[in-house]
Amino acid sequence: MVSWLNDAVFYEIYPQSFQDSNGDGIGDIDGITSRLDYIKDLGFNALWINPCYDSPFKDAGYDVRDYKKVAPRYGSNEDLYRLFGEAHNRGIHVLLDLVPGHTSEEHPWFIESGKQERNEYSDRYVWADYAWAMKGRPYIAGECQRDGIYMLNFFKSQPALNYGFGEIDEDWQMPADNPAAIETREAMKDVMRFWMDRGCDGFRVDMADSLVKNDTEDKSYTQKIWQDVRQMFDSDYPECALVSEWDHPSQSISGGFHCDFTLDNPNSGYRTLFRDYRDDADNKGSLPVSLKKDRSFFRKDAGGDITRFLDKYLPEYKAVNGKGYISLISGNHDTPRLRRTLDVEELKVAYAFLFSMPGVPFMYYGDEIGMRYIDNMPTKEGGYSRTGTRTPMQWNHEKNMGFSTAFPEDLYLPLDPQEDAPCVADQLGDKTSLLETVRSLIQLRHEHDDLKANGSFKPLFAKSDCPLFLYQRGNLICGVNPSSTPVTVSADQLDTEWKKNILYSLGSGKLTDKELTVGAQSFVVLA
């Protein structure tokens, strides 16, 4: 296991929206470098940077045109190498985003693959040689010299790379161990080596479970690919990390990843914590979020149920404990910001939970100040409903809230238009602010080994009809109460040694020899 992950607290940066250093309205690498002290001072010691490679930006950089070149709008390769060095000087590790399942249709590999004459890239992507062959799978026809159709992995601009098929049901499908699929895997390993040799500390892997098509239920063929990649890491880059977008830790960790994200997917346990928006039965999904019933556990008095999360989380935690980590996230570039429905006090309690759970936590830029999700924003670079989560970071009350010196109309996306838009400058030094709460929670995690990634975890009090959740982390007991009413539990209700002191409190807590009361919208740690 990568040693530094045990104490890692990640900060995710959407590069085009974080900090513009040259006044063109788009965030860039040098802008990130200029804010490293801010990131370090809050206690974050690891970064995940969304794709910054050369791209036509039809999907915000997830359509890669050149894996080994920084997009000119962000700067140069040398700028990124310098970022690695400056981050390392501050004890910060840096993960890049790897997109292994598809490229841009403008990638040189695909241009060659689409030519009629056979060449070394002809089988780099998933092709069929006649129309309708893909039977309901997304495909494109008529845009290449080649007499055939090619599969899409997501958007129209993203042809699927060939890692083969697990189960063959058509004569045009190649098996997962075909030579071209192996070459694709080796080409992606070459990309990873390129960046790690220059200072990158590993990768967050986009759609990591999507490589082999017609895979088995447990994704065994795709697991084999990542197991091979992990062998390369263990042999040549033992302190570099692999983090997967998979949302099935028992599969991804078995497949070689060090960490796996919990995602905001339907019916996921994670969704019940923060974004459990529901319609009344007769609306059948037609209501906007503002009118839905929010049953999220961390929404005050919403009737949330922590056992719905635990029912999903605990089997996965037990399956990977000691082998890898589950990563809980505040959100990311694909999810609505939590501030969409949670207020600042609700966020404080939610973040206390996030930073006191096992595994490796991730926070999305701007969530530390409670940046809002901007509803009804026109799509940008394939963002669609996600666009409202990708607006510029709000630093201060200077021009464009400190993000850029460009004209407002030239900004990558508009800023939060509300007069009370949160910003860093307003919250720095204010102990009651969300920003300073985040700082204190991260400090608490760093100071106590029991709260780090590999510390043990045991639910102590979790009921479907009670808002209080108590859980043990090593020798510590953590308690969260997101409701508006204090909740009291007695010592004889908990199967653990009773604690004598309140080590940390957010809100209020009262501890006696026989009882613990966790106040309304409060979090406590007992020692």
Protein backbone atom coordinates (compact mmCIF):
# COMPACT_ATOMS: atom_id res chain seq x y z
CA MET A 1 0.00 0.00 0.00
CA VAL A 2 1.19 3.51 -0.83
CA SER A 3 2.31 4.91 2.53
CA TRP A 4 1.28 8.54 2.08
CA LEU A 5 -2.35 7.65 1.32
CA ASN A 6 -2.97 6.86 4.98
CA ASP A 7 -2.81 10.54 5.89
CA ALA A 8 -3.94 11.95 2.52
CA VAL A 9 -6.73 14.52 2.28
CA PHE A 10 -7.40 15.37 -1.36
CA TYR A 11 -8.49 18.62 -2.98
CA GLU A 12 -9.96 18.30 -6.47
CA ILE A 13 -9.24 21.10 -8.94
CA TYR A 14 -11.16 21.72 -12.15
CA PRO A 15 -8.28 23.59 -13.81
CA GLN A 16 -10.27 25.87 -16.11
CA SER A 17 -12.19 27.27 -13.12
CA PHE A 18 -9.69 27.53 -10.27
CA GLN A 19 -7.31 30.44 -10.93
CA ASP A 20 -6.46 32.37 -14.09
CA SER A 21 -2.87 33.65 -14.06
CA ASN A 22 -2.70 35.38 -17.45
CA GLY A 23 -6.01 37.24 -17.72
CA ASP A 24 -7.59 35.24 -20.55
CA GLY A 25 -10.59 34.19 -18.45
CA ILE A 26 -9.60 30.52 -18.18
CA GLY A 27 -7.88 28.94 -15.20
CA ASP A 28 -4.44 27.47 -15.81
CA ILE A 29 -1.51 25.52 -14.35
CA ASP A 30 0.36 28.57 -13.10
CA GLY A 31 -2.83 29.68 -11.39
CA ILE A 32 -2.95 26.41 -9.47
CA THR A 33 0.72 26.78 -8.52
CA SER A 34 0.04 30.28 -7.18
CA ARG A 35 -2.59 28.88 -4.79
CA LEU A 36 -0.62 25.95 -3.37
CA ASP A 37 0.02 27.78 -0.10
CA TYR A 38 -3.73 28.26 0.38
CA ILE A 39 -4.30 24.55 -0.20
CA LYS A 40 -1.52 23.52 2.17
CA ASP A 41 -2.59 25.97 4.88
CA LEU A 42 -6.05 24.39 4.98
CA GLY A 43 -4.45 20.99 5.59
CA PHE A 44 -4.92 19.39 2.18
CA ASN A 45 -1.83 17.40 1.23
CA ALA A 46 -2.89 15.88 -2.08
CA LEU A 47 -4.41 17.17 -5.33
CA TRP A 48 -6.49 15.59 -8.05
CA ILE A 49 -6.42 17.74 -11.18
CA ASN A 50 -9.09 17.12 -13.82
CA PRO A 51 -7.75 16.53 -17.36
CA CYS A 52 -5.32 19.20 -18.47
CA TYR A 53 -4.15 17.47 -21.67
CA ASP A 54 -4.47 18.82 -25.20
CA SER A 55 -8.09 18.48 -26.28
CA PRO A 56 -10.81 19.95 -28.54
CA PHE A 57 -12.77 20.34 -25.27
CA LYS A 58 -16.02 18.86 -26.45
CA ASP A 59 -16.20 17.16 -23.06
CA ALA A 60 -14.17 19.59 -20.94
CA GLY A 61 -10.92 17.75 -21.60
CA TYR A 62 -12.21 14.20 -21.18
CA ASP A 63 -11.81 13.97 -24.95
CA VAL A 64 -8.01 13.74 -25.11
CA ARG A 65 -6.16 14.66 -28.30
CA ASP A 66 -2.64 14.21 -26.92
CA TYR A 67 -2.02 12.44 -23.62
CA LYS A 68 1.54 13.75 -23.35
CA LYS A 69 0.89 17.44 -23.96
CA VAL A 70 -0.65 20.04 -21.67
CA ALA A 71 -3.45 21.95 -23.39
CA PRO A 72 -2.09 25.34 -24.49
CA ARG A 73 -4.89 27.18 -22.72
CA TYR A 74 -3.50 25.81 -19.44
CA GLY A 75 0.15 26.48 -20.24
CA SER A 76 2.97 24.10 -21.10
CA ASN A 77 4.37 20.77 -19.99
CA GLU A 78 7.11 22.71 -18.19
CA ASP A 79 4.43 24.58 -16.21
CA LEU A 80 3.01 21.26 -15.04
CA TYR A 81 6.44 19.87 -14.15
CA ARG A 82 7.02 23.01 -12.09
CA LEU A 83 3.66 22.50 -10.36
CA PHE A 84 4.72 18.97 -9.40
CA GLY A 85 7.94 20.32 -7.90
CA GLU A 86 6.33 23.22 -6.03
CA ALA A 87 3.64 20.90 -4.65
CA HIS A 88 6.24 18.40 -3.49
CA ASN A 89 8.17 21.21 -1.78
CA ARG A 90 5.05 21.75 0.32
CA GLY A 91 4.42 18.08 1.04
CA ILE A 92 1.56 17.88 -1.47
CA HIS A 93 1.14 14.91 -3.82
CA VAL A 94 -0.48 15.40 -7.24
CA LEU A 95 -2.68 12.99 -9.18
CA LEU A 96 -3.59 13.63 -12.80
CA ASP A 97 -6.82 12.42 -14.38
CA LEU A 98 -6.33 9.47 -16.73
CA VAL A 99 -8.93 8.82 -19.44
CA PRO A 100 -8.15 5.28 -20.67
CA GLY A 101 -11.45 4.20 -22.21
CA HIS A 102 -11.62 6.60 -25.13
CA THR A 103 -9.85 9.47 -26.84
CA SER A 104 -10.94 12.45 -28.87
CA GLU A 105 -11.90 11.73 -32.45
CA GLU A 106 -9.05 14.14 -33.25
CA HIS A 107 -6.39 11.98 -31.57
CA PRO A 108 -3.69 10.86 -34.06
CA TRP A 109 -4.36 7.24 -33.09
CA PHE A 110 -7.97 7.58 -34.24
CA ILE A 111 -7.12 9.47 -37.41
CA GLU A 112 -4.84 6.61 -38.41
CA SER A 113 -7.35 4.00 -37.29
CA GLY A 114 -9.99 5.53 -39.56
CA LYS A 115 -7.88 5.18 -42.70
CA GLN A 116 -8.81 2.53 -45.26
CA GLU A 117 -5.31 1.08 -45.47
CA ARG A 118 -4.33 -1.29 -42.66
CA ASN A 119 -1.79 0.19 -40.24
CA GLU A 120 -0.59 -0.23 -36.68
CA TYR A 121 -3.59 1.68 -35.31
CA SER A 122 -6.33 -0.02 -37.34
CA ASP A 123 -7.43 -2.07 -34.32
CA ARG A 124 -6.67 0.50 -31.61
CA TYR A 125 -10.43 1.27 -31.43
CA VAL A 126 -13.58 -0.87 -31.49
CA TRP A 127 -14.71 -1.24 -35.09
CA ALA A 128 -17.27 -3.34 -36.95
CA ASP A 129 -17.12 -3.72 -40.70
CA TYR A 130 -20.79 -3.23 -41.53
CA ALA A 131 -23.69 -1.00 -40.52
CA TRP A 132 -26.07 -2.13 -37.77
CA ALA A 133 -23.53 -4.66 -36.50
CA MET A 134 -23.36 -3.16 -33.03
CA LYS A 135 -26.99 -3.91 -32.20
CA GLY A 136 -28.04 -1.03 -29.99
CA ARG A 137 -24.56 -0.01 -28.89
CA PRO A 138 -23.72 3.65 -29.60
CA TYR A 139 -21.72 3.99 -32.81
CA ILE A 140 -20.80 6.38 -35.60
CA ALA A 141 -20.78 5.69 -39.32
CA GLY A 142 -19.74 7.64 -42.39
CA GLU A 143 -17.08 9.93 -40.92
CA CYS A 144 -13.92 8.05 -41.88
CA GLN A 145 -12.33 6.68 -45.04
CA ARG A 146 -12.62 3.23 -43.55
CA ASP A 147 -15.50 0.99 -44.58
CA GLY A 148 -16.98 0.37 -41.15
CA ILE A 149 -18.49 1.82 -37.98
CA TYR A 150 -16.86 2.58 -34.65
CA MET A 151 -18.17 2.31 -31.10
CA LEU A 152 -18.53 5.28 -28.80
CA ASN A 153 -17.63 5.17 -25.12
CA PHE A 154 -19.67 8.19 -24.08
CA PHE A 155 -20.08 11.33 -26.20
CA LYS A 156 -20.11 11.36 -30.00
CA SER A 157 -16.60 12.81 -29.87
CA GLN A 158 -15.21 9.86 -27.87
CA PRO A 159 -14.46 6.68 -29.86
CA ALA A 160 -13.94 3.65 -27.64
CA LEU A 161 -10.44 2.27 -27.35
CA ASN A 162 -10.07 -1.45 -28.00
CA TYR A 163 -9.47 -3.56 -24.90
CA GLY A 164 -11.43 -6.45 -26.42
CA PHE A 165 -14.61 -8.25 -25.39
CA GLY A 166 -15.04 -10.60 -22.47
CA GLU A 167 -17.86 -12.57 -24.01
CA ILE A 168 -17.94 -12.82 -27.79
CA ASP A 169 -21.37 -12.77 -29.41
CA GLU A 170 -20.55 -11.27 -32.83
CA ASP A 171 -17.84 -12.20 -35.33
CA TRP A 172 -16.45 -8.63 -35.42
CA GLN A 173 -15.66 -8.64 -31.70
CA MET A 174 -12.10 -9.30 -30.57
CA PRO A 175 -11.29 -11.24 -27.38
CA ALA A 176 -9.87 -9.38 -24.41
CA ASP A 177 -6.43 -10.91 -24.89
CA ASN A 178 -6.13 -10.06 -28.58
CA PRO A 179 -2.81 -8.46 -29.61
CA ALA A 180 -4.38 -5.09 -30.41
CA ALA A 181 -6.02 -4.93 -26.98
CA ILE A 182 -2.68 -5.66 -25.33
CA GLU A 183 -1.08 -2.90 -27.40
CA THR A 184 -3.78 -0.49 -26.22
CA ARG A 185 -3.07 -1.38 -22.61
CA GLU A 186 0.67 -0.95 -23.13
CA ALA A 187 0.11 2.43 -24.82
CA MET A 188 -1.83 3.61 -21.77
CA LYS A 189 0.90 2.34 -19.44
CA ASP A 190 3.36 4.35 -21.53
CA VAL A 191 1.27 7.48 -20.93
CA MET A 192 1.33 6.83 -17.20
CA ARG A 193 5.09 6.30 -17.19
CA PHE A 194 5.58 9.56 -19.09
CA TRP A 195 3.94 11.64 -16.38
CA MET A 196 5.18 9.71 -13.35
CA ASP A 197 8.75 10.00 -14.64
CA ARG A 198 8.25 13.77 -14.56
CA GLY A 199 6.86 14.03 -11.05
CA CYS A 200 3.21 12.99 -11.15
CA ASP A 201 2.24 10.90 -8.08
CA GLY A 202 -0.34 8.71 -9.80
CA PHE A 203 -3.76 8.90 -11.40
CA ARG A 204 -7.44 9.12 -10.77
CA VAL A 205 -8.84 6.91 -13.52
CA ASP A 206 -11.98 7.98 -15.38
CA MET A 207 -14.60 5.28 -16.02
CA ALA A 208 -12.09 2.67 -14.87
CA ASP A 209 -14.56 -0.21 -15.11
CA SER A 210 -15.55 0.46 -18.73
CA LEU A 211 -12.56 -0.90 -20.65
CA VAL A 212 -13.45 -4.45 -21.70
CA LYS A 213 -16.85 -4.68 -23.36
CA ASN A 214 -19.23 -7.58 -22.63
CA ASP A 215 -17.31 -8.10 -19.42
CA THR A 216 -18.43 -10.54 -16.73
CA GLU A 217 -20.64 -9.34 -13.88
CA ASP A 218 -17.62 -8.84 -11.61
CA LYS A 219 -15.64 -7.13 -14.41
CA SER A 220 -13.00 -9.85 -14.26
CA TYR A 221 -11.48 -9.02 -17.67
CA THR A 222 -11.16 -5.34 -16.84
CA GLN A 223 -9.74 -6.27 -13.43
CA LYS A 224 -6.95 -8.19 -15.18
CA ILE A 225 -5.93 -5.06 -17.09
CA TRP A 226 -5.61 -3.03 -13.90
CA GLN A 227 -3.85 -5.87 -12.09
CA ASP A 228 -1.21 -5.70 -14.80
CA VAL A 229 -0.97 -1.91 -14.38
CA ARG A 230 -0.65 -2.35 -10.61
CA GLN A 231 2.30 -4.70 -11.14
CA MET A 232 4.02 -1.88 -13.02
CA PHE A 233 3.27 0.54 -10.17
CA ASP A 234 4.49 -1.84 -7.47
CA SER A 235 7.68 -2.58 -9.40
CA ASP A 236 8.62 0.82 -10.79
CA TYR A 237 6.51 3.44 -8.98
CA PRO A 238 5.76 1.99 -5.52
CA GLU A 239 4.82 5.38 -4.02
CA CYS A 240 2.43 6.35 -6.83
CA ALA A 241 -1.30 5.84 -6.36
CA LEU A 242 -4.17 4.54 -8.49
CA VAL A 243 -7.65 5.82 -7.66
CA SER A 244 -10.62 4.51 -9.62
CA GLU A 245 -13.94 5.88 -10.72
CA TRP A 246 -15.68 2.53 -10.29
CA ASP A 247 -17.99 2.72 -7.25
CA HIS A 248 -17.57 -0.96 -6.47
CA PRO A 249 -14.57 -1.22 -4.14
CA SER A 250 -14.60 -5.00 -3.80
CA GLN A 251 -14.06 -5.17 -7.58
CA SER A 252 -11.73 -2.22 -8.09
CA ILE A 253 -9.43 -2.94 -5.14
CA SER A 254 -9.24 -6.57 -6.22
CA GLY A 255 -8.37 -5.23 -9.66
CA GLY A 256 -5.32 -3.38 -8.36
CA PHE A 257 -6.51 0.08 -7.34
CA HIS A 258 -5.44 1.66 -4.07
CA CYS A 259 -8.70 3.63 -3.65
CA ASP A 260 -12.18 3.69 -5.16
CA PHE A 261 -14.69 6.55 -5.18
CA THR A 262 -18.18 6.36 -3.82
CA LEU A 263 -20.29 7.98 -6.52
CA ASP A 264 -23.58 9.81 -6.68
CA ASN A 265 -25.30 6.94 -8.50
CA PRO A 266 -28.97 6.00 -8.18
CA ASN A 267 -29.60 3.60 -5.31
CA SER A 268 -26.10 4.17 -3.91
CA GLY A 269 -25.59 4.45 -0.19
CA TYR A 270 -23.56 7.60 -0.74
CA ARG A 271 -26.52 9.39 -2.33
CA THR A 272 -28.62 8.88 0.82
CA LEU A 273 -26.18 11.04 2.80
CA PHE A 274 -26.26 14.29 0.84
CA ARG A 275 -28.42 14.19 -2.31
CA ASP A 276 -31.42 12.00 -1.59
CA TYR A 277 -33.92 14.05 -3.58
CA ARG A 278 -37.28 12.29 -4.03
CA ASP A 279 -40.57 13.03 -5.75
CA ASP A 280 -43.93 12.27 -4.23
CA ALA A 281 -45.21 8.97 -5.59
CA ASP A 282 -47.64 10.60 -8.04
CA ASN A 283 -45.06 12.89 -9.67
CA LYS A 284 -42.97 10.09 -11.22
CA GLY A 285 -39.75 12.03 -11.37
CA SER A 286 -41.15 15.23 -12.86
CA LEU A 287 -40.40 17.73 -10.11
CA PRO A 288 -37.40 20.07 -10.13
CA VAL A 289 -34.97 19.56 -7.26
CA SER A 290 -36.24 22.68 -5.51
CA LEU A 291 -39.65 21.03 -5.07
CA LYS A 292 -38.55 17.48 -4.31
CA LYS A 293 -38.54 16.05 -0.83
CA ASP A 294 -34.95 15.86 0.35
CA ARG A 295 -34.49 12.83 2.61
CA SER A 296 -30.72 13.17 2.84
CA PHE A 297 -29.30 12.13 6.21
CA PHE A 298 -27.46 15.45 6.61
CA ARG A 299 -30.48 17.59 5.74
CA LYS A 300 -31.82 18.83 9.06
CA ASP A 301 -35.03 17.07 10.12
CA ALA A 302 -35.51 15.50 6.69
CA GLY A 303 -36.11 12.05 8.12
CA GLY A 304 -32.88 10.64 6.70
CA ASP A 305 -31.76 7.17 7.67
CA ILE A 306 -28.06 6.39 8.20
CA THR A 307 -28.73 2.65 7.96
CA ARG A 308 -29.46 3.05 4.24
CA PHE A 309 -25.88 4.21 3.80
CA LEU A 310 -24.43 1.56 6.08
CA ASP A 311 -26.29 -1.27 4.35
CA LYS A 312 -24.35 -0.45 1.17
CA TYR A 313 -21.10 0.73 2.74
CA LEU A 314 -20.33 -1.94 5.32
CA PRO A 315 -20.13 -4.97 2.99
CA GLU A 316 -17.74 -3.06 0.72
CA TYR A 317 -15.69 -1.77 3.66
CA LYS A 318 -15.31 -5.27 5.08
CA ALA A 319 -14.34 -6.65 1.66
CA VAL A 320 -11.48 -4.18 1.13
CA ASN A 321 -10.34 -3.38 4.68
CA GLY A 322 -6.58 -3.88 4.82
CA LYS A 323 -6.34 -4.13 1.03
CA GLY A 324 -7.34 -0.66 -0.16
CA TYR A 325 -9.46 2.37 0.65
CA ILE A 326 -12.93 3.70 -0.05
CA SER A 327 -12.94 7.42 -0.86
CA LEU A 328 -15.87 9.49 0.34
CA ILE A 329 -16.21 12.80 -1.49
CA SER A 330 -17.91 16.13 -0.86
CA GLY A 331 -18.69 16.13 -4.57
CA ASN A 332 -16.88 16.47 -7.86
CA HIS A 333 -17.17 18.01 -11.30
CA ASP A 334 -20.02 15.61 -12.16
CA THR A 335 -22.26 16.11 -9.11
CA PRO A 336 -24.40 18.99 -7.87
CA ARG A 337 -22.61 20.94 -5.16
CA LEU A 338 -23.88 20.07 -1.69
CA ARG A 339 -24.82 23.71 -1.12
CA ARG A 340 -27.60 23.17 -3.64
CA THR A 341 -29.79 21.87 -0.82
CA LEU A 342 -27.68 21.95 2.37
CA ASP A 343 -27.09 25.18 4.27
CA VAL A 344 -23.80 26.10 5.93
CA GLU A 345 -24.64 24.56 9.31
CA GLU A 346 -25.71 21.34 7.63
CA LEU A 347 -22.49 21.33 5.61
CA LYS A 348 -20.37 21.62 8.75
CA VAL A 349 -21.84 18.44 10.21
CA ALA A 350 -21.63 16.67 6.83
CA TYR A 351 -17.95 17.57 6.47
CA ALA A 352 -17.24 16.40 10.04
CA PHE A 353 -18.52 12.99 9.00
CA LEU A 354 -16.56 13.09 5.72
CA PHE A 355 -13.22 13.82 7.40
CA SER A 356 -13.70 11.39 10.30
CA MET A 357 -14.55 8.29 8.28
CA PRO A 358 -11.99 5.66 7.18
CA GLY A 359 -10.52 5.72 3.70
CA VAL A 360 -9.19 8.68 1.75
CA PRO A 361 -11.47 11.78 1.66
CA PHE A 362 -11.78 14.15 -1.30
CA MET A 363 -13.12 17.71 -1.31
CA TYR A 364 -14.09 19.54 -4.50
CA TYR A 365 -12.69 23.06 -4.90
CA GLY A 366 -15.01 25.70 -3.48
CA ASP A 367 -16.92 23.27 -1.28
CA GLU A 368 -14.78 24.47 1.63
CA ILE A 369 -16.48 27.89 1.39
CA GLY A 370 -19.92 26.59 0.45
CA MET A 371 -19.98 27.62 -3.20
CA ARG A 372 -23.43 27.22 -4.67
CA TYR A 373 -24.64 25.10 -7.55
CA ILE A 374 -25.86 27.55 -10.22
CA ASP A 375 -29.16 26.30 -11.62
CA ASN A 376 -30.19 26.61 -15.27
CA MET A 377 -26.74 27.50 -16.54
CA PRO A 378 -26.27 26.94 -20.31
CA THR A 379 -24.05 23.95 -20.99
CA LYS A 380 -20.34 24.50 -21.53
CA GLU A 381 -18.03 21.92 -23.12
CA GLY A 382 -20.49 19.10 -22.64
CA GLY A 383 -21.27 19.96 -19.06
CA TYR A 384 -25.08 20.04 -19.38
CA SER A 385 -26.57 19.89 -15.85
CA ARG A 386 -23.05 19.57 -14.44
CA THR A 387 -22.12 23.04 -15.67
CA GLY A 388 -23.58 24.73 -12.58
CA THR A 389 -20.98 22.91 -10.46
CA ARG A 390 -18.01 24.11 -12.53
CA THR A 391 -18.12 27.89 -12.04
CA PRO A 392 -15.00 29.91 -11.11
CA MET A 393 -13.50 29.77 -7.64
CA GLN A 394 -14.51 32.72 -5.48
CA TRP A 395 -11.49 34.19 -3.72
CA ASN A 396 -12.25 37.77 -2.70
CA HIS A 397 -14.17 40.96 -3.58
CA GLU A 398 -11.79 42.12 -6.28
CA LYS A 399 -12.58 41.91 -10.00
CA ASN A 400 -14.26 38.61 -10.89
CA MET A 401 -13.95 37.62 -7.22
CA GLY A 402 -10.19 37.22 -7.67
CA PHE A 403 -10.45 34.44 -10.26
CA SER A 404 -9.32 36.47 -13.29
CA THR A 405 -8.56 39.99 -14.50
CA ALA A 406 -10.37 39.30 -17.79
CA PHE A 407 -13.53 41.06 -18.90
CA PRO A 408 -16.50 39.30 -17.27
CA GLU A 409 -17.84 38.19 -20.65
CA ASP A 410 -14.55 36.40 -21.34
CA LEU A 411 -14.65 34.20 -18.26
CA TYR A 412 -14.79 30.44 -18.77
CA LEU A 413 -18.12 30.47 -16.92
CA PRO A 414 -20.02 33.23 -15.10
CA LEU A 415 -19.58 33.69 -11.37
CA ASP A 416 -22.26 33.23 -8.74
CA PRO A 417 -24.40 36.35 -9.36
CA GLN A 418 -25.83 36.64 -5.84
CA GLU A 419 -24.65 39.48 -3.62
CA ASP A 420 -23.87 37.09 -0.78
CA ALA A 421 -21.77 34.74 -2.92
CA PRO A 422 -19.32 33.12 -0.49
CA CYS A 423 -15.60 33.81 -0.87
CA VAL A 424 -12.37 32.87 0.84
CA ALA A 425 -11.56 36.40 2.02
CA ASP A 426 -14.77 36.67 4.04
CA GLN A 427 -14.16 33.41 5.89
CA LEU A 428 -10.43 33.39 6.61
CA GLY A 429 -9.83 33.75 10.33
CA ASP A 430 -13.53 33.57 11.25
CA LYS A 431 -13.73 30.54 13.56
CA THR A 432 -17.47 30.23 12.93
CA SER A 433 -17.05 30.04 9.13
CA LEU A 434 -17.29 26.94 7.00
CA LEU A 435 -13.72 27.43 5.76
CA GLU A 436 -12.24 27.48 9.26
CA THR A 437 -14.41 24.50 10.26
CA VAL A 438 -12.91 22.56 7.36
CA ARG A 439 -9.43 23.57 8.49
CA SER A 440 -10.05 22.39 12.06
CA LEU A 441 -11.54 19.08 10.93
CA ILE A 442 -8.60 18.30 8.65
CA GLN A 443 -6.18 19.22 11.45
CA LEU A 444 -8.03 16.86 13.78
CA ARG A 445 -7.66 14.05 11.25
CA HIS A 446 -3.94 14.68 10.76
CA GLU A 447 -3.31 14.78 14.53
CA HIS A 448 -4.95 11.45 15.37
CA ASP A 449 -3.89 8.19 13.75
CA ASP A 450 -7.23 6.60 14.66
CA LEU A 451 -8.95 9.03 12.24
CA LYS A 452 -6.68 8.32 9.28
CA ALA A 453 -7.42 6.11 6.31
CA ASN A 454 -6.51 2.75 7.82
CA GLY A 455 -7.93 3.37 11.31
CA SER A 456 -10.53 0.81 12.34
CA PHE A 457 -14.25 1.52 11.97
CA LYS A 458 -17.22 0.12 13.86
CA PRO A 459 -20.79 1.48 13.97
CA LEU A 460 -21.93 1.76 17.59
CA PHE A 461 -25.36 3.37 17.36
CA ALA A 462 -27.28 3.54 14.09
CA LYS A 463 -31.07 3.34 13.92
CA SER A 464 -33.47 4.02 11.07
CA ASP A 465 -35.72 6.12 13.32
CA CYS A 466 -33.06 8.15 15.11
CA PRO A 467 -30.86 10.96 13.67
CA LEU A 468 -27.85 10.16 15.86
CA PHE A 469 -24.98 8.09 14.44
CA LEU A 470 -22.12 6.97 16.68
CA TYR A 471 -19.09 5.12 15.33
CA GLN A 472 -15.77 4.00 16.71
CA ARG A 473 -12.46 4.90 15.07
CA GLY A 474 -9.73 3.04 16.92
CA ASN A 475 -9.88 4.29 20.52
CA LEU A 476 -12.05 7.27 19.61
CA ILE A 477 -15.83 7.53 19.39
CA CYS A 478 -17.36 9.94 16.86
CA GLY A 479 -20.95 11.12 16.95
CA VAL A 480 -22.99 13.12 14.45
CA ASN A 481 -26.46 14.52 14.96
CA PRO A 482 -27.74 16.47 11.93
CA SER A 483 -31.18 17.09 13.44
CA SER A 484 -32.54 20.14 15.29
CA THR A 485 -33.02 18.17 18.52
CA PRO A 486 -30.37 16.96 20.98
CA VAL A 487 -30.13 13.17 21.30
CA THR A 488 -28.96 11.27 24.37
CA VAL A 489 -27.60 7.72 24.57
CA SER A 490 -26.52 5.79 27.64
CA ALA A 491 -23.32 3.85 28.15
CA ASP A 492 -25.13 0.52 28.32
CA GLN A 493 -26.47 1.05 24.78
CA LEU A 494 -22.96 0.91 23.31
CA ASP A 495 -20.81 -2.20 22.98
CA THR A 496 -17.52 -0.46 23.73
CA GLU A 497 -15.49 1.02 26.54
CA TRP A 498 -17.07 4.26 27.75
CA LYS A 499 -15.01 7.39 27.19
CA LYS A 500 -14.24 10.07 29.73
CA ASN A 501 -13.49 13.18 27.69
CA ILE A 502 -14.79 15.20 24.74
CA LEU A 503 -11.73 15.60 22.52
CA TYR A 504 -13.43 17.78 19.88
CA SER A 505 -16.84 19.27 19.42
CA LEU A 506 -18.60 21.10 16.65
CA GLY A 507 -21.79 22.48 18.08
CA SER A 508 -22.41 21.01 21.50
CA GLY A 509 -21.98 17.80 23.41
CA LYS A 510 -22.33 16.71 27.04
CA LEU A 511 -20.64 13.65 28.51
CA THR A 512 -21.20 12.07 31.93
CA ASP A 513 -20.18 8.74 33.44
CA LYS A 514 -23.34 7.17 32.08
CA GLU A 515 -24.67 9.29 29.21
CA LEU A 516 -23.69 11.21 26.10
CA THR A 517 -25.82 13.98 24.68
CA VAL A 518 -25.00 15.20 21.18
CA GLY A 519 -26.54 18.59 20.58
CA ALA A 520 -28.59 19.74 17.63
CA GLN A 521 -26.55 19.86 14.39
CA SER A 522 -23.45 18.78 16.25
CA PHE A 523 -20.42 16.52 15.96
CA VAL A 524 -18.32 15.23 18.83
CA VAL A 525 -15.24 13.07 19.27
CA LEU A 526 -14.77 11.23 22.56
CA ALA A 527 -11.43 10.01 23.91
